[in-house]
Protein backbone atom coordinates (compact mmCIF):
# COMPACT_ATOMS: atom_id res chain seq x y z
CA MET A 1 -60.40 25.50 7.06
CA PRO A 2 -58.41 22.43 6.00
CA SER A 3 -58.96 19.21 7.95
CA ARG A 4 -56.33 17.72 10.24
CA ASN A 5 -55.68 14.86 7.77
CA ALA A 6 -55.22 17.32 4.91
CA SER A 7 -52.70 19.27 6.99
CA ARG A 8 -50.80 16.08 7.79
CA VAL A 9 -50.67 15.14 4.11
CA ALA A 10 -49.43 18.61 3.16
CA LEU A 11 -46.73 18.42 5.83
CA PHE A 12 -45.74 14.94 4.62
CA LEU A 13 -45.34 16.15 1.03
CA MET A 14 -43.32 19.20 2.13
CA LEU A 15 -40.91 17.16 4.24
CA ALA A 16 -40.50 14.42 1.65
CA ALA A 17 -39.59 17.00 -0.99
CA ALA A 18 -37.19 18.85 1.30
CA ALA A 19 -35.37 15.80 2.63
CA PRO A 20 -35.47 12.51 0.73
CA GLY A 21 -35.51 9.48 3.01
CA ILE A 22 -38.03 10.71 5.58
CA ALA A 23 -41.17 9.55 3.77
CA SER A 24 -41.21 6.35 5.85
CA TRP A 25 -41.77 8.26 9.10
CA ALA A 26 -43.42 11.54 8.07
CA ALA A 27 -46.92 10.13 7.65
CA ASP A 28 -46.99 8.60 11.14
CA GLU A 29 -44.74 10.79 13.31
CA LYS A 30 -44.47 14.48 13.97
CA PRO A 31 -41.17 16.17 13.04
CA ALA A 32 -38.70 17.41 15.64
CA SER A 33 -36.77 20.66 15.89
CA LEU A 34 -33.48 21.82 17.36
CA ALA A 35 -32.56 25.38 18.31
CA GLY A 36 -29.83 27.02 20.34
CA LYS A 37 -26.93 29.44 20.48
CA VAL A 38 -23.21 29.34 19.64
CA ALA A 39 -20.76 31.34 21.77
CA ASP A 40 -17.00 31.82 22.25
CA SER A 41 -15.70 29.38 24.87
CA VAL A 42 -13.49 32.05 26.49
CA THR A 43 -15.39 35.33 26.19
CA GLY A 44 -18.94 33.98 26.03
CA GLU A 45 -19.68 36.35 23.14
CA PRO A 46 -22.12 35.05 20.49
CA ILE A 47 -20.58 33.91 17.19
CA ALA A 48 -22.29 34.78 13.93
CA LYS A 49 -22.01 32.88 10.64
CA VAL A 50 -21.31 29.49 12.20
CA ASN A 51 -22.20 26.70 9.79
CA LEU A 52 -24.24 23.93 11.41
CA LEU A 53 -24.91 20.59 9.79
CA ILE A 54 -27.09 17.85 11.25
CA HIS A 55 -26.86 14.49 9.52
CA GLY A 56 -27.52 10.81 10.06
CA ASN A 57 -29.18 7.68 8.77
CA VAL A 58 -32.98 7.52 8.41
CA ASP A 59 -34.27 4.10 7.36
CA GLY A 60 -31.16 3.40 5.28
CA THR A 61 -31.03 6.83 3.66
CA GLN A 62 -28.63 9.63 4.58
CA PHE A 63 -30.44 12.70 5.93
CA LYS A 64 -28.86 16.13 6.35
CA ARG A 65 -30.01 19.67 7.06
CA ASP A 66 -27.93 22.82 7.58
CA ALA A 67 -28.28 26.26 9.11
CA VAL A 68 -26.18 29.37 9.85
CA THR A 69 -26.14 31.36 13.09
CA ASP A 70 -27.41 34.96 13.08
CA ASP A 71 -25.71 38.02 14.63
CA GLN A 72 -26.74 36.81 18.09
CA GLY A 73 -25.27 33.36 17.50
CA ARG A 74 -28.71 31.75 17.33
CA PHE A 75 -29.71 28.90 15.05
CA SER A 76 -32.82 26.84 14.35
CA LEU A 77 -33.22 23.51 12.58
CA THR A 78 -36.77 22.40 11.88
CA ALA A 79 -38.63 19.57 10.14
CA LEU A 80 -36.20 16.98 11.51
CA PRO A 81 -36.89 13.24 11.71
CA PRO A 82 -36.65 11.46 15.08
CA GLY A 83 -33.49 9.51 15.84
CA ARG A 84 -29.84 9.97 16.79
CA PHE A 85 -27.82 12.38 14.64
CA GLU A 86 -24.48 14.15 14.52
CA LEU A 87 -24.50 17.93 14.77
CA ARG A 88 -21.38 19.60 13.37
CA ALA A 89 -20.40 23.24 13.97
CA THR A 90 -17.70 24.91 11.84
CA ARG A 91 -16.37 28.44 11.41
CA ASN A 92 -13.04 29.87 10.31
CA GLY A 93 -10.84 30.63 13.30
CA PHE A 94 -12.48 28.03 15.54
CA VAL A 95 -12.00 24.32 16.16
CA LYS A 96 -14.58 22.17 14.38
CA MET A 97 -16.87 20.49 16.91
CA SER A 98 -19.34 17.61 16.69
CA PHE A 99 -22.12 16.51 19.03
CA SER A 100 -24.44 13.53 19.22
CA VAL A 101 -28.09 14.61 19.35
CA GLN A 102 -31.12 12.43 20.14
CA LEU A 103 -34.39 13.77 18.65
CA GLN A 104 -37.85 12.62 19.65
CA ALA A 105 -40.87 12.68 17.34
CA GLY A 106 -42.68 15.99 17.84
CA GLY A 107 -40.01 17.17 20.27
CA ASP A 108 -38.66 20.71 20.36
CA LYS A 109 -35.09 20.68 21.68
CA ASP A 110 -34.50 24.33 22.51
CA GLY A 111 -31.62 26.10 24.24
CA PHE A 112 -28.90 23.82 22.80
CA GLY A 113 -25.68 25.60 23.77
CA ILE A 114 -22.44 25.28 21.81
CA LYS A 115 -19.15 26.83 22.92
CA LEU A 116 -16.58 27.00 20.14
CA VAL A 117 -12.85 27.11 20.90
CA ARG A 118 -10.62 29.50 18.97
CA THR A 119 -7.68 28.02 17.07
CA GLY A 120 -4.09 29.10 17.61
CA ALA A 121 -0.88 29.27 15.58
CA ILE A 122 2.88 28.71 15.70
CA SER A 123 5.29 30.87 13.68
CA GLY A 124 9.02 31.36 13.24
CA ARG A 125 11.82 30.72 10.77
CA VAL A 126 14.13 27.92 9.65
CA VAL A 127 17.83 28.40 8.93
CA ASP A 128 20.63 26.01 8.03
CA ALA A 129 23.66 25.30 10.22
CA ASP A 130 25.31 28.50 8.90
CA GLY A 131 22.29 30.65 9.74
CA GLN A 132 21.08 31.03 6.14
CA PRO A 133 17.29 31.00 5.62
CA MET A 134 15.85 27.78 4.20
CA GLU A 135 13.21 28.29 1.48
CA PHE A 136 10.55 25.77 0.39
CA LEU A 137 11.09 23.62 3.48
CA HIS A 138 8.13 21.79 5.00
CA VAL A 139 7.47 22.55 8.66
CA ARG A 140 5.14 20.32 10.67
CA ALA A 141 3.44 20.74 14.05
CA ASP A 142 2.84 17.36 15.68
CA GLY A 143 0.14 17.24 18.34
CA LYS A 144 -3.53 16.65 19.06
CA ALA A 145 -4.57 18.13 15.72
CA GLY A 146 -1.42 18.95 13.80
CA GLY A 147 -0.74 21.09 10.78
CA ARG A 148 1.97 21.85 8.26
CA THR A 149 3.17 24.59 5.96
CA GLU A 150 6.15 25.65 3.84
CA THR A 151 8.82 28.28 4.46
CA ASP A 152 9.05 31.41 2.30
CA GLU A 153 12.19 32.98 0.80
CA GLN A 154 13.19 34.30 4.23
CA GLY A 155 12.76 30.92 5.86
CA ARG A 156 9.64 32.13 7.67
CA PHE A 157 6.67 29.90 8.43
CA ARG A 158 3.29 30.10 10.14
CA ILE A 159 1.12 27.10 11.00
CA GLY A 160 -2.43 28.19 11.77
CA ARG A 161 -5.76 26.52 12.56
CA LEU A 162 -4.24 24.61 15.47
CA ALA A 163 -6.51 23.28 18.19
CA PRO A 164 -5.33 24.25 21.68
CA GLY A 165 -2.81 21.75 23.00
CA THR A 166 0.84 20.74 23.08
CA TYR A 167 2.89 20.58 19.88
CA ARG A 168 6.39 19.69 18.74
CA VAL A 169 7.59 21.44 15.59
CA LEU A 170 9.70 19.70 12.96
CA ALA A 171 11.51 21.30 10.02
CA GLU A 172 11.79 18.58 7.39
CA SER A 173 15.05 18.56 5.44
CA ASN A 174 14.85 18.23 1.67
CA GLU A 175 17.85 15.91 1.72
CA GLY A 176 17.38 12.16 1.97
CA PRO A 177 19.12 8.83 1.54
CA ARG A 178 20.66 7.98 -1.83
CA SER A 179 22.81 5.36 -3.51
CA ILE A 180 25.61 7.68 -4.65
CA ARG A 181 27.62 10.51 -3.12
CA GLU A 182 29.26 13.66 -4.39
CA ILE A 183 32.86 13.16 -5.50
CA ARG A 184 35.08 15.90 -4.00
CA THR A 185 38.72 16.52 -4.85
CA ASP A 186 39.45 19.38 -2.42
CA GLY A 187 39.66 17.17 0.65
CA THR A 188 36.45 18.42 2.23
CA VAL A 189 33.82 16.08 3.64
CA GLU A 190 30.28 16.15 2.30
CA THR A 191 27.70 17.04 4.94
CA ILE A 192 23.93 16.76 5.18
CA ASP A 193 21.32 19.02 6.81
CA LEU A 194 18.97 16.89 8.87
CA SER A 195 15.29 17.18 9.71
CA THR A 196 15.31 19.00 13.04
CA TYR A 197 12.80 19.52 15.84
CA TYR A 198 12.65 22.86 17.64
CA PRO A 199 14.91 24.03 19.15
CA GLY A 200 17.56 21.56 17.93
CA SER A 201 16.70 17.89 18.30
CA LEU A 202 16.59 14.87 16.03
CA THR A 203 13.81 13.11 17.95
CA PRO A 204 10.42 14.21 19.29
CA LYS A 205 11.32 12.86 22.74
CA THR A 206 13.94 15.57 23.25
CA ALA A 207 12.10 18.33 21.37
CA ALA A 208 10.55 21.32 23.11
CA ALA A 209 6.85 21.01 23.94
CA LEU A 210 5.02 24.16 22.84
CA GLU A 211 1.68 24.99 24.46
CA VAL A 212 -0.88 26.65 22.17
CA ALA A 213 -3.74 28.33 24.06
CA PRO A 214 -7.14 29.21 22.53
CA GLY A 215 -6.75 32.15 20.14
CA SER A 216 -3.03 32.52 20.86
CA GLU A 217 0.08 32.40 18.66
CA VAL A 218 3.48 31.06 19.69
CA THR A 219 5.97 33.30 17.87
CA GLY A 220 9.69 33.82 17.45
CA LEU A 221 10.77 30.23 16.89
CA GLU A 222 14.10 29.67 15.13
CA ILE A 223 14.91 26.16 14.01
CA ARG A 224 18.55 25.73 13.04
CA LEU A 225 18.97 22.53 11.06
CA LEU A 226 21.49 20.10 12.49
CA ARG A 227 24.34 19.21 10.15
CA LEU A 228 26.43 16.05 10.19
CA PRO A 229 29.02 14.49 7.90
CA LEU A 230 27.46 12.29 5.24
CA VAL A 231 27.81 8.67 6.34
CA CYS A 232 27.54 5.48 4.35
CA VAL A 233 26.03 2.11 5.19
CA SER A 234 27.44 -0.61 2.93
CA GLY A 235 27.35 -4.36 2.70
CA THR A 236 26.61 -7.39 0.57
CA VAL A 237 23.52 -9.39 -0.34
CA SER A 238 24.08 -13.14 -0.75
CA GLY A 239 22.00 -16.14 -1.80
CA PHE A 240 20.05 -14.50 -4.65
CA PRO A 241 19.59 -15.89 -8.18
CA LYS A 242 22.07 -14.27 -10.57
CA GLU A 243 19.31 -13.60 -13.11
CA SER A 244 17.30 -11.55 -10.60
CA GLY A 245 17.68 -8.00 -9.44
CA VAL A 246 18.13 -7.28 -5.72
CA GLN A 247 16.10 -4.66 -3.93
CA VAL A 248 17.44 -3.28 -0.66
CA ARG A 249 14.67 -2.08 1.64
CA ILE A 250 15.23 0.09 4.70
CA SER A 251 12.61 0.59 7.39
CA GLY A 252 13.10 3.82 9.30
CA PRO A 253 12.88 4.52 13.03
CA ASP A 254 9.14 5.22 12.76
CA GLY A 255 8.46 1.89 11.02
CA SER A 256 7.94 3.36 7.56
CA ASN A 257 9.99 2.61 4.45
CA ALA A 258 12.73 5.23 4.56
CA PHE A 259 14.46 4.11 1.36
CA ILE A 260 14.30 1.47 -1.36
CA GLY A 261 17.38 0.97 -3.54
CA TYR A 262 19.09 -1.73 -5.58
CA ALA A 263 22.24 -3.75 -5.03
CA ASN A 264 24.88 -4.06 -7.73
CA ARG A 265 25.07 -7.20 -9.86
CA ASP A 266 27.66 -8.67 -7.49
CA GLY A 267 25.33 -8.06 -4.50
CA THR A 268 27.20 -5.10 -3.01
CA PHE A 269 25.29 -1.97 -2.00
CA GLU A 270 25.85 1.48 -0.53
CA VAL A 271 23.33 3.84 1.07
CA TRP A 272 24.36 7.42 1.77
CA GLY A 273 22.69 10.10 3.86
CA LEU A 274 20.63 8.19 6.44
CA PRO A 275 20.00 10.39 9.50
CA PRO A 276 21.08 8.98 12.85
CA GLY A 277 18.71 6.33 14.20
CA ASN A 278 17.92 2.63 14.23
CA TYR A 279 17.07 1.01 10.90
CA ALA A 280 16.06 -2.42 9.66
CA PHE A 281 17.76 -3.51 6.42
CA SER A 282 16.41 -6.34 4.29
CA ALA A 283 16.70 -7.58 0.71
CA ARG A 284 14.49 -9.40 -1.77
CA ALA A 285 14.83 -10.68 -5.34
CA VAL A 286 12.81 -8.78 -7.95
CA ASP A 287 12.31 -8.84 -11.70
CA ARG A 288 12.90 -5.92 -14.07
CA MET A 289 9.51 -4.45 -13.12
CA GLY A 290 10.36 -4.57 -9.42
CA MET A 291 8.00 -7.47 -8.69
CA PRO A 292 9.02 -9.98 -5.97
CA GLN A 293 10.54 -13.26 -7.19
CA GLY A 294 9.96 -15.47 -4.14
CA MET A 295 13.27 -14.90 -2.34
CA ALA A 296 13.84 -12.56 0.58
CA GLY A 297 16.02 -12.12 3.63
CA GLU A 298 15.49 -11.53 7.32
CA GLN A 299 15.78 -7.99 8.63
CA VAL A 300 19.15 -6.85 9.95
CA GLU A 301 19.16 -4.10 12.59
CA VAL A 302 21.60 -1.26 11.93
CA GLU A 303 22.22 1.75 14.18
CA VAL A 304 23.36 4.79 12.20
CA ALA A 305 25.40 7.46 13.99
CA SER A 306 28.15 9.76 12.68
CA THR A 307 30.56 7.22 11.15
CA ASN A 308 30.40 4.86 8.19
CA ILE A 309 29.08 1.34 8.73
CA GLU A 310 30.50 -1.48 6.62
CA HIS A 311 30.01 -5.22 6.06
CA VAL A 312 26.24 -5.38 6.58
CA ASP A 313 25.39 -8.96 5.54
CA LEU A 314 21.95 -9.48 4.02
CA ARG A 315 21.25 -13.15 3.25
CA MET A 316 18.31 -14.35 1.19
CA ALA A 317 16.45 -17.64 1.06
CA PRO A 318 13.35 -18.96 -0.76
CA ARG A 319 10.04 -17.75 0.66
């Protein structure tokens, strides 16, 4: 019969080979274990084939060990080092969950219960202002854990894998700001289809709040894109060196760069197709590669609505 020391050495070698980074504790401390069961948060039924991963830092080295639940939702993780670790549970159709676990040397943590929450979905279709289906349009669900997808040839969309919660759904128009417009000779006015929140809003504040419950699907949405006449924001940049180019930068309502264009040689500029909202216009001198040349202007606030805006004055000074 092997001695106790021989058994400890054998265990040390087995653990060191199975999980690099535990050699520093294996010779002096007994390993820990973790076992439990994974069930549906609503029905209480056990969930098979849940992937479990326990990982963390052991003496400066990353340790990880995985397991899969059986038909009864049970799992067992053995030969674990002591310490605090993250336990992650994932399975298709359920929200990924993470837990902090404290393991003691030689401790057997049994009966660890995990209740996974089923994901939900939102589906519907996107049409233009005339009711025609919009293909290849991005649709986004904004919420606790959002998602996005693309419409098919019938304008249909389905956003799955959504954690339960409240969402606002946005159909993102493919049209955007530009420096030129279409020249029409028939007297008609060019229009633009705008990014639209369900059921017909330009801002998330006035959009409908959709509640997704565990394992449920919100269906039947129709998002009809809002359409407005194409408007122009124009003006002049002054105070820039004549040998430099002039870059016109526009910061959108959400604070991001909505558009970057260039002024003409005389400093005039036009921007077509900005959706309604508040924007910050600014200008800076750049070289042929678009690199800043040490001159820029203060931001000018512009509120875009449904009519053209003229005489925006962007002045530059050395920076």
